[in-house]
């Protein structure tokens, strides 16, 4: 995988004889401000539907904070 992550996931194209690219979710945690001025920490944990293995289904963990302290 990439030595330095550029975002929420890393991608590496397949290297022959492999045909499937490697995808890896980073461990980054994002802090977002909600519309009502509160805060939440969000960490993406997955990208695939566990039942169908289709991509594009984000899963995540979060923690909400009313005062911005975690």
C-alpha atoms as a PDB file:
ATOM      1  CA  UNK A   1       0.000   0.000   0.000  1.00  0.00           C
ATOM      2  CA  UNK A   2       0.968   3.639  -0.225  1.00  0.00           C
ATOM      3  CA  UNK A   3       3.648   4.808   2.178  1.00  0.00           C
ATOM      4  CA  UNK A   4       1.682   7.966   2.930  1.00  0.00           C
ATOM      5  CA  UNK A   5      -2.082   7.986   2.842  1.00  0.00           C
ATOM      6  CA  UNK A   6      -3.744  10.751   0.839  1.00  0.00           C
ATOM      7  CA  UNK A   7      -7.276  10.309   2.132  1.00  0.00           C
ATOM      8  CA  UNK A   8      -9.733   7.939   3.766  1.00  0.00           C
ATOM      9  CA  UNK A   9      -8.588   4.910   1.788  1.00  0.00           C
ATOM     10  CA  UNK A  10      -5.542   3.555  -0.049  1.00  0.00           C
ATOM     11  CA  UNK A  11      -5.682   1.914  -3.458  1.00  0.00           C
ATOM     12  CA  UNK A  12      -3.050  -0.181  -5.200  1.00  0.00           C
ATOM     13  CA  UNK A  13      -3.637  -1.500  -8.732  1.00  0.00           C
ATOM     14  CA  UNK A  14      -3.256  -5.238  -9.293  1.00  0.00           C
ATOM     15  CA  UNK A  15       0.223  -6.540  -9.971  1.00  0.00           C
ATOM     16  CA  UNK A  16       0.267  -9.447 -12.452  1.00  0.00           C
ATOM     17  CA  UNK A  17      -0.590 -12.247 -12.095  1.00  0.00           C
ATOM     18  CA  UNK A  18      -3.133 -10.778  -9.632  1.00  0.00           C
ATOM     19  CA  UNK A  19      -6.287  -9.300 -11.136  1.00  0.00           C
ATOM     20  CA  UNK A  20      -7.846  -7.653  -8.090  1.00  0.00           C
ATOM     21  CA  UNK A  21      -6.690  -4.264  -6.805  1.00  0.00           C
ATOM     22  CA  UNK A  22      -5.862  -3.842  -3.126  1.00  0.00           C
ATOM     23  CA  UNK A  23      -8.058  -1.438  -1.178  1.00  0.00           C
ATOM     24  CA  UNK A  24      -7.509  -0.502   2.421  1.00  0.00           C
ATOM     25  CA  UNK A  25      -9.463   1.875   4.668  1.00  0.00           C
ATOM     26  CA  UNK A  26      -7.155   4.188   6.622  1.00  0.00           C
ATOM     27  CA  UNK A  27      -7.453   4.598  10.374  1.00  0.00           C
ATOM     28  CA  UNK A  28      -7.948   8.371  10.113  1.00  0.00           C
ATOM     29  CA  UNK A  29     -10.498   9.977  12.408  1.00  0.00           C
ATOM     30  CA  UNK A  30     -12.384  13.024  11.154  1.00  0.00           C
ATOM     31  CA  UNK A  31     -13.952  15.637  13.410  1.00  0.00           C
ATOM     32  CA  UNK A  32     -16.996  17.313  11.910  1.00  0.00           C
ATOM     33  CA  UNK A  33     -19.144  20.164  13.133  1.00  0.00           C
ATOM     34  CA  UNK A  34     -22.861  19.489  12.937  1.00  0.00           C
ATOM     35  CA  UNK A  35     -25.496  21.942  11.712  1.00  0.00           C
ATOM     36  CA  UNK A  36     -26.445  22.745  15.315  1.00  0.00           C
ATOM     37  CA  UNK A  37     -22.846  23.572  16.324  1.00  0.00           C
ATOM     38  CA  UNK A  38     -22.052  20.276  18.061  1.00  0.00           C
ATOM     39  CA  UNK A  39     -19.219  17.920  17.092  1.00  0.00           C
ATOM     40  CA  UNK A  40     -18.751  14.301  16.096  1.00  0.00           C
ATOM     41  CA  UNK A  41     -15.719  12.087  15.481  1.00  0.00           C
ATOM     42  CA  UNK A  42     -16.110   9.717  12.541  1.00  0.00           C
ATOM     43  CA  UNK A  43     -13.875   6.822  11.492  1.00  0.00           C
ATOM     44  CA  UNK A  44     -14.655   4.863   8.345  1.00  0.00           C
ATOM     45  CA  UNK A  45     -14.413   1.118   8.942  1.00  0.00           C
ATOM     46  CA  UNK A  46     -15.498  -0.458   5.675  1.00  0.00           C
ATOM     47  CA  UNK A  47     -16.373   0.067   2.027  1.00  0.00           C
ATOM     48  CA  UNK A  48     -18.019  -3.204   0.980  1.00  0.00           C
ATOM     49  CA  UNK A  49     -21.417  -4.721   1.722  1.00  0.00           C
ATOM     50  CA  UNK A  50     -20.580  -7.704   3.933  1.00  0.00           C
ATOM     51  CA  UNK A  51     -23.403  -9.828   2.470  1.00  0.00           C
ATOM     52  CA  UNK A  52     -22.884  -9.165  -1.246  1.00  0.00           C
ATOM     53  CA  UNK A  53     -19.246  -7.943  -1.208  1.00  0.00           C
ATOM     54  CA  UNK A  54     -20.275  -5.069  -3.502  1.00  0.00           C
ATOM     55  CA  UNK A  55     -18.341  -1.844  -3.037  1.00  0.00           C
ATOM     56  CA  UNK A  56     -19.749   1.571  -2.247  1.00  0.00           C
ATOM     57  CA  UNK A  57     -21.357   0.708   1.103  1.00  0.00           C
ATOM     58  CA  UNK A  58     -19.568   2.800   3.722  1.00  0.00           C
ATOM     59  CA  UNK A  59     -19.622   1.715   7.342  1.00  0.00           C
ATOM     60  CA  UNK A  60     -18.271   3.817  10.159  1.00  0.00           C
ATOM     61  CA  UNK A  61     -17.893   4.351  13.895  1.00  0.00           C
ATOM     62  CA  UNK A  62     -18.771   7.675  15.457  1.00  0.00           C
ATOM     63  CA  UNK A  63     -18.826   9.490  18.762  1.00  0.00           C
ATOM     64  CA  UNK A  64     -21.007  12.542  19.329  1.00  0.00           C
ATOM     65  CA  UNK A  65     -20.006  15.417  21.621  1.00  0.00           C
ATOM     66  CA  UNK A  66     -22.289  18.251  22.654  1.00  0.00           C
ATOM     67  CA  UNK A  67     -19.389  20.419  23.849  1.00  0.00           C
ATOM     68  CA  UNK A  68     -16.529  19.442  21.511  1.00  0.00           C
ATOM     69  CA  UNK A  69     -14.680  17.470  24.199  1.00  0.00           C
ATOM     70  CA  UNK A  70     -14.041  13.802  23.566  1.00  0.00           C
END
